[in-house]
Amino acid sequence: MSGEYIVSPTDRILVTGSNGFIGTSVVENLLALGFSKLRFFVRPSSKLDRLKKILEKYPAGKNAEIIAGDLLSREDCKNAARDVAVIIHLAAGFEKSFAGAFMNSALATRIMLALGAGIYEELLFRVILVSGISAIAERLLGWQRTTAGIVAVIISATIFSAFHYIGPYGDPLRLDSFLFRALGGVAFSVVYLLRGFGITAWTHALYDVLVLTA
């Protein structure tokens, strides 16, 4: 197994929606790649014929776990996710149309990710970084509040932009996108200094929703 994977073949992987059209293809690819500890979270009413046929084709399929439960149940989800390294969430709604399934599954997931990312990033880069750098510059270095605020905004915006290119899921580093995100960081920092955390977090979250759902 090469270093391009974020998990090893012996790590446990949880797959939801594993009996669906996309889910069975994902399961078959995981088995073909040598992943041997797969766990499937299915509805109690699910017909598992398609999934079981896939499992029978591979020796590692004998080690697969099938857990029946409800995605709306906290306890069922905790039980299914126990000792899991990666979750592949493919479960969709009961709607028969593509539009209905997309609206209730993919789109809803995107919106939740956007809202979470907006609030998390504002808490980290504005509340902690901007406020922290500004306070240090004022109290320890004796700078004027305006100067300290400007420097804090620039440093925070630069770190905010660079953060998007770190790690296995980071974007390829390009000057145009780096500058765009840095300017976005400056704008959010200015809003934070003028209007506070709540307005800034919602502004950022709604921007992320627009980008992810457009």
C-alpha atoms as a PDB file:
ATOM      1  CA  MET A   1       0.000   0.000   0.000  1.00  0.00           C
ATOM      2  CA  SER A   2       1.552   3.300  -1.045  1.00  0.00           C
ATOM      3  CA  GLY A   3       1.710   6.499   0.988  1.00  0.00           C
ATOM      4  CA  GLU A   4      -1.107   8.103  -1.007  1.00  0.00           C
ATOM      5  CA  TYR A   5      -3.752   6.579   1.303  1.00  0.00           C
ATOM      6  CA  ILE A   6      -4.750   8.200   4.580  1.00  0.00           C
ATOM      7  CA  VAL A   7      -5.451   4.815   6.189  1.00  0.00           C
ATOM      8  CA  SER A   8      -3.780   1.418   6.119  1.00  0.00           C
ATOM      9  CA  PRO A   9      -5.458  -1.811   4.937  1.00  0.00           C
ATOM     10  CA  THR A  10      -5.850  -2.916   8.567  1.00  0.00           C
ATOM     11  CA  ASP A  11      -7.664   0.237   9.733  1.00  0.00           C
ATOM     12  CA  ARG A  12     -11.383  -0.083  10.313  1.00  0.00           C
ATOM     13  CA  ILE A  13     -13.577   1.775   7.819  1.00  0.00           C
ATOM     14  CA  LEU A  14     -17.269   2.480   8.314  1.00  0.00           C
ATOM     15  CA  VAL A  15     -19.463   2.793   5.228  1.00  0.00           C
ATOM     16  CA  THR A  16     -23.052   4.030   5.322  1.00  0.00           C
ATOM     17  CA  GLY A  17     -25.328   3.468   2.349  1.00  0.00           C
ATOM     18  CA  SER A  18     -23.203   0.448   1.446  1.00  0.00           C
ATOM     19  CA  ASN A  19     -26.059  -1.431  -0.224  1.00  0.00           C
ATOM     20  CA  GLY A  20     -26.873   1.349  -2.671  1.00  0.00           C
ATOM     21  CA  PHE A  21     -25.747   1.813  -6.265  1.00  0.00           C
ATOM     22  CA  ILE A  22     -22.747   3.954  -5.329  1.00  0.00           C
ATOM     23  CA  GLY A  23     -22.164   2.178  -2.022  1.00  0.00           C
ATOM     24  CA  THR A  24     -21.651  -1.277  -3.509  1.00  0.00           C
ATOM     25  CA  SER A  25     -19.127   0.123  -5.986  1.00  0.00           C
ATOM     26  CA  VAL A  26     -17.228   1.788  -3.162  1.00  0.00           C
ATOM     27  CA  VAL A  27     -17.267  -1.419  -1.117  1.00  0.00           C
ATOM     28  CA  GLU A  28     -15.992  -3.478  -4.031  1.00  0.00           C
ATOM     29  CA  ASN A  29     -13.164  -1.009  -4.663  1.00  0.00           C
ATOM     30  CA  LEU A  30     -12.166  -1.036  -0.999  1.00  0.00           C
ATOM     31  CA  LEU A  31     -12.035  -4.834  -0.989  1.00  0.00           C
ATOM     32  CA  ALA A  32     -10.103  -4.886  -4.245  1.00  0.00           C
ATOM     33  CA  LEU A  33      -7.554  -2.472  -2.775  1.00  0.00           C
ATOM     34  CA  GLY A  34      -6.996  -4.814   0.157  1.00  0.00           C
ATOM     35  CA  PHE A  35      -8.913  -3.113   2.959  1.00  0.00           C
ATOM     36  CA  SER A  36      -9.876  -5.957   5.255  1.00  0.00           C
ATOM     37  CA  LYS A  37     -11.719  -4.333   8.176  1.00  0.00           C
ATOM     38  CA  LEU A  38     -14.931  -2.951   6.776  1.00  0.00           C
ATOM     39  CA  ARG A  39     -18.050  -2.152   8.779  1.00  0.00           C
ATOM     40  CA  PHE A  40     -21.421  -1.352   7.209  1.00  0.00           C
ATOM     41  CA  PHE A  41     -24.136   0.682   8.886  1.00  0.00           C
ATOM     42  CA  VAL A  42     -27.478  -0.236   7.340  1.00  0.00           C
ATOM     43  CA  ARG A  43     -31.155   0.338   8.030  1.00  0.00           C
ATOM     44  CA  PRO A  44     -32.912  -2.554   9.812  1.00  0.00           C
ATOM     45  CA  SER A  45     -35.248  -2.846   6.821  1.00  0.00           C
ATOM     46  CA  SER A  46     -32.482  -2.890   4.201  1.00  0.00           C
ATOM     47  CA  LYS A  47     -32.252  -5.739   1.717  1.00  0.00           C
ATOM     48  CA  LEU A  48     -28.611  -6.747   1.651  1.00  0.00           C
ATOM     49  CA  ASP A  49     -28.536  -9.107  -1.332  1.00  0.00           C
ATOM     50  CA  ARG A  50     -26.443  -6.770  -3.481  1.00  0.00           C
ATOM     51  CA  LEU A  51     -23.938  -6.085  -0.694  1.00  0.00           C
ATOM     52  CA  LYS A  52     -23.582  -9.760   0.245  1.00  0.00           C
ATOM     53  CA  LYS A  53     -22.829 -10.706  -3.375  1.00  0.00           C
ATOM     54  CA  ILE A  54     -19.947  -8.246  -3.371  1.00  0.00           C
ATOM     55  CA  LEU A  55     -18.619  -9.556  -0.057  1.00  0.00           C
ATOM     56  CA  GLU A  56     -18.683 -13.136  -1.302  1.00  0.00           C
ATOM     57  CA  LYS A  57     -16.340 -12.230  -4.170  1.00  0.00           C
ATOM     58  CA  TYR A  58     -13.423 -11.310  -1.899  1.00  0.00           C
ATOM     59  CA  PRO A  59     -11.743 -13.226   0.952  1.00  0.00           C
ATOM     60  CA  ALA A  60     -11.695 -10.090   3.103  1.00  0.00           C
ATOM     61  CA  GLY A  61     -15.460  -9.923   2.784  1.00  0.00           C
ATOM     62  CA  LYS A  62     -15.706 -12.627   5.445  1.00  0.00           C
ATOM     63  CA  ASN A  63     -14.350 -10.153   8.008  1.00  0.00           C
ATOM     64  CA  ALA A  64     -16.937  -7.474   7.236  1.00  0.00           C
ATOM     65  CA  GLU A  65     -19.294  -6.324   9.985  1.00  0.00           C
ATOM     66  CA  ILE A  66     -22.894  -5.366   9.280  1.00  0.00           C
ATOM     67  CA  ILE A  67     -24.587  -3.222  11.912  1.00  0.00           C
ATOM     68  CA  ALA A  68     -28.264  -2.334  11.626  1.00  0.00           C
ATOM     69  CA  GLY A  69     -29.385   0.936  13.108  1.00  0.00           C
ATOM     70  CA  ASP A  70     -30.824   4.398  12.637  1.00  0.00           C
ATOM     71  CA  LEU A  71     -28.674   7.343  11.540  1.00  0.00           C
ATOM     72  CA  LEU A  72     -30.925   9.595  13.614  1.00  0.00           C
ATOM     73  CA  SER A  73     -30.063   7.652  16.774  1.00  0.00           C
ATOM     74  CA  ARG A  74     -27.036   8.970  18.667  1.00  0.00           C
ATOM     75  CA  GLU A  75     -26.428   5.610  20.353  1.00  0.00           C
ATOM     76  CA  ASP A  76     -26.644   3.674  17.083  1.00  0.00           C
ATOM     77  CA  CYS A  77     -24.151   6.050  15.462  1.00  0.00           C
ATOM     78  CA  LYS A  78     -21.748   5.849  18.417  1.00  0.00           C
ATOM     79  CA  ASN A  79     -21.908   2.058  18.304  1.00  0.00           C
ATOM     80  CA  ALA A  80     -21.294   1.952  14.556  1.00  0.00           C
ATOM     81  CA  ALA A  81     -18.395   4.435  14.696  1.00  0.00           C
ATOM     82  CA  ARG A  82     -16.567   2.728  17.565  1.00  0.00           C
ATOM     83  CA  ASP A  83     -12.837   2.180  16.797  1.00  0.00           C
ATOM     84  CA  VAL A  84     -13.300   3.489  13.268  1.00  0.00           C
ATOM     85  CA  ALA A  85     -10.494   5.348  11.467  1.00  0.00           C
ATOM     86  CA  VAL A  86     -12.520   6.652   8.511  1.00  0.00           C
ATOM     87  CA  ILE A  87     -16.228   7.079   7.805  1.00  0.00           C
ATOM     88  CA  ILE A  88     -17.492   7.024   4.229  1.00  0.00           C
ATOM     89  CA  HIS A  89     -20.976   8.512   4.417  1.00  0.00           C
ATOM     90  CA  LEU A  90     -23.060   7.494   1.395  1.00  0.00           C
ATOM     91  CA  ALA A  91     -26.492   7.046   2.955  1.00  0.00           C
ATOM     92  CA  ALA A  92     -29.220   8.961   1.133  1.00  0.00           C
ATOM     93  CA  GLY A  93     -32.844   9.756   1.828  1.00  0.00           C
ATOM     94  CA  PHE A  94     -35.791   7.644   0.738  1.00  0.00           C
ATOM     95  CA  GLU A  95     -36.732  10.022  -2.092  1.00  0.00           C
ATOM     96  CA  LYS A  96     -36.990   8.278  -5.444  1.00  0.00           C
ATOM     97  CA  SER A  97     -35.943  11.256  -7.546  1.00  0.00           C
ATOM     98  CA  PHE A  98     -32.346  12.368  -7.964  1.00  0.00           C
ATOM     99  CA  ALA A  99     -33.300  15.912  -6.984  1.00  0.00           C
ATOM    100  CA  GLY A 100     -34.952  14.735  -3.773  1.00  0.00           C
ATOM    101  CA  ALA A 101     -32.035  12.542  -2.749  1.00  0.00           C
ATOM    102  CA  PHE A 102     -29.568  15.333  -3.511  1.00  0.00           C
ATOM    103  CA  MET A 103     -31.505  17.947  -1.551  1.00  0.00           C
ATOM    104  CA  ASN A 104     -31.896  15.740   1.527  1.00  0.00           C
ATOM    105  CA  SER A 105     -28.462  14.132   1.526  1.00  0.00           C
ATOM    106  CA  ALA A 106     -25.635  15.715  -0.463  1.00  0.00           C
ATOM    107  CA  LEU A 107     -26.866  19.279  -0.196  1.00  0.00           C
ATOM    108  CA  ALA A 108     -27.698  18.976   3.491  1.00  0.00           C
ATOM    109  CA  THR A 109     -24.218  17.577   4.187  1.00  0.00           C
ATOM    110  CA  ARG A 110     -22.588  20.419   2.259  1.00  0.00           C
ATOM    111  CA  ILE A 111     -24.572  23.020   4.177  1.00  0.00           C
ATOM    112  CA  MET A 112     -23.626  21.493   7.540  1.00  0.00           C
ATOM    113  CA  LEU A 113     -19.960  21.416   6.537  1.00  0.00           C
ATOM    114  CA  ALA A 114     -20.121  25.036   5.369  1.00  0.00           C
ATOM    115  CA  LEU A 115     -21.745  26.244   8.584  1.00  0.00           C
ATOM    116  CA  GLY A 116     -19.286  24.334  10.744  1.00  0.00           C
ATOM    117  CA  ALA A 117     -16.259  25.519   8.768  1.00  0.00           C
ATOM    118  CA  GLY A 118     -17.381  29.155   8.900  1.00  0.00           C
ATOM    119  CA  ILE A 119     -17.853  29.160  12.668  1.00  0.00           C
ATOM    120  CA  TYR A 120     -14.672  27.166  13.361  1.00  0.00           C
ATOM    121  CA  GLU A 121     -12.458  29.334  11.144  1.00  0.00           C
ATOM    122  CA  GLU A 122     -13.777  32.568  12.606  1.00  0.00           C
ATOM    123  CA  LEU A 123     -13.225  31.294  16.125  1.00  0.00           C
ATOM    124  CA  LEU A 124      -9.648  30.285  15.337  1.00  0.00           C
ATOM    125  CA  PHE A 125      -8.438  32.999  12.972  1.00  0.00           C
ATOM    126  CA  ARG A 126     -10.372  35.996  14.238  1.00  0.00           C
ATOM    127  CA  VAL A 127     -11.236  35.500  17.913  1.00  0.00           C
ATOM    128  CA  ILE A 128      -7.989  33.755  18.848  1.00  0.00           C
ATOM    129  CA  LEU A 129      -5.441  35.056  16.340  1.00  0.00           C
ATOM    130  CA  VAL A 130      -6.585  38.624  15.676  1.00  0.00           C
ATOM    131  CA  SER A 131      -7.493  39.290  19.302  1.00  0.00           C
ATOM    132  CA  GLY A 132      -4.394  37.511  20.602  1.00  0.00           C
ATOM    133  CA  ILE A 133      -1.890  39.182  18.284  1.00  0.00           C
ATOM    134  CA  SER A 134      -3.473  42.578  18.844  1.00  0.00           C
ATOM    135  CA  ALA A 135      -3.383  42.170  22.633  1.00  0.00           C
ATOM    136  CA  ILE A 136       0.265  41.064  22.591  1.00  0.00           C
ATOM    137  CA  ALA A 137       1.261  43.985  20.349  1.00  0.00           C
ATOM    138  CA  GLU A 138      -0.533  46.496  22.589  1.00  0.00           C
ATOM    139  CA  ARG A 139       0.392  45.220  26.041  1.00  0.00           C
ATOM    140  CA  LEU A 140       3.839  43.727  25.514  1.00  0.00           C
ATOM    141  CA  LEU A 141       5.177  45.849  22.679  1.00  0.00           C
ATOM    142  CA  GLY A 142       3.404  49.066  23.565  1.00  0.00           C
ATOM    143  CA  TRP A 143       1.939  49.629  20.091  1.00  0.00           C
ATOM    144  CA  GLN A 144      -1.019  51.876  19.425  1.00  0.00           C
ATOM    145  CA  ARG A 145      -4.353  50.036  19.130  1.00  0.00           C
ATOM    146  CA  THR A 146      -4.771  50.937  15.442  1.00  0.00           C
ATOM    147  CA  THR A 147      -1.272  49.737  14.514  1.00  0.00           C
ATOM    148  CA  ALA A 148      -1.663  46.563  16.532  1.00  0.00           C
ATOM    149  CA  GLY A 149      -5.022  45.870  14.868  1.00  0.00           C
ATOM    150  CA  ILE A 150      -3.631  46.344  11.354  1.00  0.00           C
ATOM    151  CA  VAL A 151      -0.672  44.044  12.000  1.00  0.00           C
ATOM    152  CA  ALA A 152      -2.953  41.451  13.613  1.00  0.00           C
ATOM    153  CA  VAL A 153      -5.298  41.535  10.610  1.00  0.00           C
ATOM    154  CA  ILE A 154      -2.452  41.058   8.120  1.00  0.00           C
ATOM    155  CA  ILE A 155      -0.795  38.214  10.035  1.00  0.00           C
ATOM    156  CA  SER A 156      -4.104  36.447  10.688  1.00  0.00           C
ATOM    157  CA  ALA A 157      -5.198  36.785   7.049  1.00  0.00           C
ATOM    158  CA  THR A 158      -1.881  35.346   5.825  1.00  0.00           C
ATOM    159  CA  ILE A 159      -2.119  32.358   8.179  1.00  0.00           C
ATOM    160  CA  PHE A 160      -5.807  31.924   7.269  1.00  0.00           C
ATOM    161  CA  SER A 161      -4.942  31.707   3.568  1.00  0.00           C
ATOM    162  CA  ALA A 162      -1.959  29.382   4.099  1.00  0.00           C
ATOM    163  CA  PHE A 163      -4.137  27.055   6.198  1.00  0.00           C
ATOM    164  CA  HIS A 164      -6.060  26.023   3.052  1.00  0.00           C
ATOM    165  CA  TYR A 165      -2.957  24.440   1.477  1.00  0.00           C
ATOM    166  CA  ILE A 166      -1.844  22.260   4.397  1.00  0.00           C
ATOM    167  CA  GLY A 167      -2.357  18.511   4.721  1.00  0.00           C
ATOM    168  CA  PRO A 168      -3.526  15.764   2.376  1.00  0.00           C
ATOM    169  CA  TYR A 169      -6.784  17.601   1.581  1.00  0.00           C
ATOM    170  CA  GLY A 170      -5.149  20.976   1.026  1.00  0.00           C
ATOM    171  CA  ASP A 171      -5.489  22.743  -2.314  1.00  0.00           C
ATOM    172  CA  PRO A 172      -2.504  23.078  -4.682  1.00  0.00           C
ATOM    173  CA  LEU A 173      -0.685  26.305  -3.830  1.00  0.00           C
ATOM    174  CA  ARG A 174      -1.317  29.049  -6.395  1.00  0.00           C
ATOM    175  CA  LEU A 175      -0.565  32.744  -6.027  1.00  0.00           C
ATOM    176  CA  ASP A 176      -3.978  33.905  -7.277  1.00  0.00           C
ATOM    177  CA  SER A 177      -5.962  31.719  -4.880  1.00  0.00           C
ATOM    178  CA  PHE A 178      -3.596  32.520  -2.011  1.00  0.00           C
ATOM    179  CA  LEU A 179      -4.052  36.262  -2.522  1.00  0.00           C
ATOM    180  CA  PHE A 180      -7.830  35.872  -2.897  1.00  0.00           C
ATOM    181  CA  ARG A 181      -8.088  34.014   0.395  1.00  0.00           C
ATOM    182  CA  ALA A 182      -5.729  36.444   2.111  1.00  0.00           C
ATOM    183  CA  LEU A 183      -7.910  39.368   1.010  1.00  0.00           C
ATOM    184  CA  GLY A 184     -10.943  37.424   2.213  1.00  0.00           C
ATOM    185  CA  GLY A 185      -9.194  36.995   5.551  1.00  0.00           C
ATOM    186  CA  VAL A 186      -8.596  40.749   5.726  1.00  0.00           C
ATOM    187  CA  ALA A 187     -12.266  41.419   4.980  1.00  0.00           C
ATOM    188  CA  PHE A 188     -13.506  38.976   7.636  1.00  0.00           C
ATOM    189  CA  SER A 189     -11.016  40.393  10.155  1.00  0.00           C
ATOM    190  CA  VAL A 190     -12.240  43.941   9.537  1.00  0.00           C
ATOM    191  CA  VAL A 191     -15.852  42.796   9.990  1.00  0.00           C
ATOM    192  CA  TYR A 192     -14.833  41.056  13.221  1.00  0.00           C
ATOM    193  CA  LEU A 193     -13.136  44.174  14.598  1.00  0.00           C
ATOM    194  CA  LEU A 194     -16.084  46.380  13.665  1.00  0.00           C
ATOM    195  CA  ARG A 195     -19.066  44.112  14.350  1.00  0.00           C
ATOM    196  CA  GLY A 196     -17.886  41.231  16.504  1.00  0.00           C
ATOM    197  CA  PHE A 197     -17.769  37.433  16.268  1.00  0.00           C
ATOM    198  CA  GLY A 198     -21.463  36.659  15.635  1.00  0.00           C
ATOM    199  CA  ILE A 199     -21.856  38.771  12.487  1.00  0.00           C
ATOM    200  CA  THR A 200     -18.485  37.614  11.129  1.00  0.00           C
ATOM    201  CA  ALA A 201     -19.154  33.914  11.740  1.00  0.00           C
ATOM    202  CA  TRP A 202     -22.543  34.047  10.013  1.00  0.00           C
ATOM    203  CA  THR A 203     -21.121  36.043   7.110  1.00  0.00           C
ATOM    204  CA  HIS A 204     -18.357  33.498   6.617  1.00  0.00           C
ATOM    205  CA  ALA A 205     -20.696  30.540   7.033  1.00  0.00           C
ATOM    206  CA  LEU A 206     -23.204  31.889   4.513  1.00  0.00           C
ATOM    207  CA  TYR A 207     -20.377  32.591   2.052  1.00  0.00           C
ATOM    208  CA  ASP A 208     -19.201  28.979   2.410  1.00  0.00           C
ATOM    209  CA  VAL A 209     -22.782  27.752   1.845  1.00  0.00           C
ATOM    210  CA  LEU A 210     -22.964  29.811  -1.354  1.00  0.00           C
ATOM    211  CA  VAL A 211     -19.631  28.451  -2.622  1.00  0.00           C
ATOM    212  CA  LEU A 212     -20.389  24.800  -1.803  1.00  0.00           C
ATOM    213  CA  THR A 213     -23.942  24.775  -3.159  1.00  0.00           C
ATOM    214  CA  ALA A 214     -23.521  26.955  -6.234  1.00  0.00           C
END
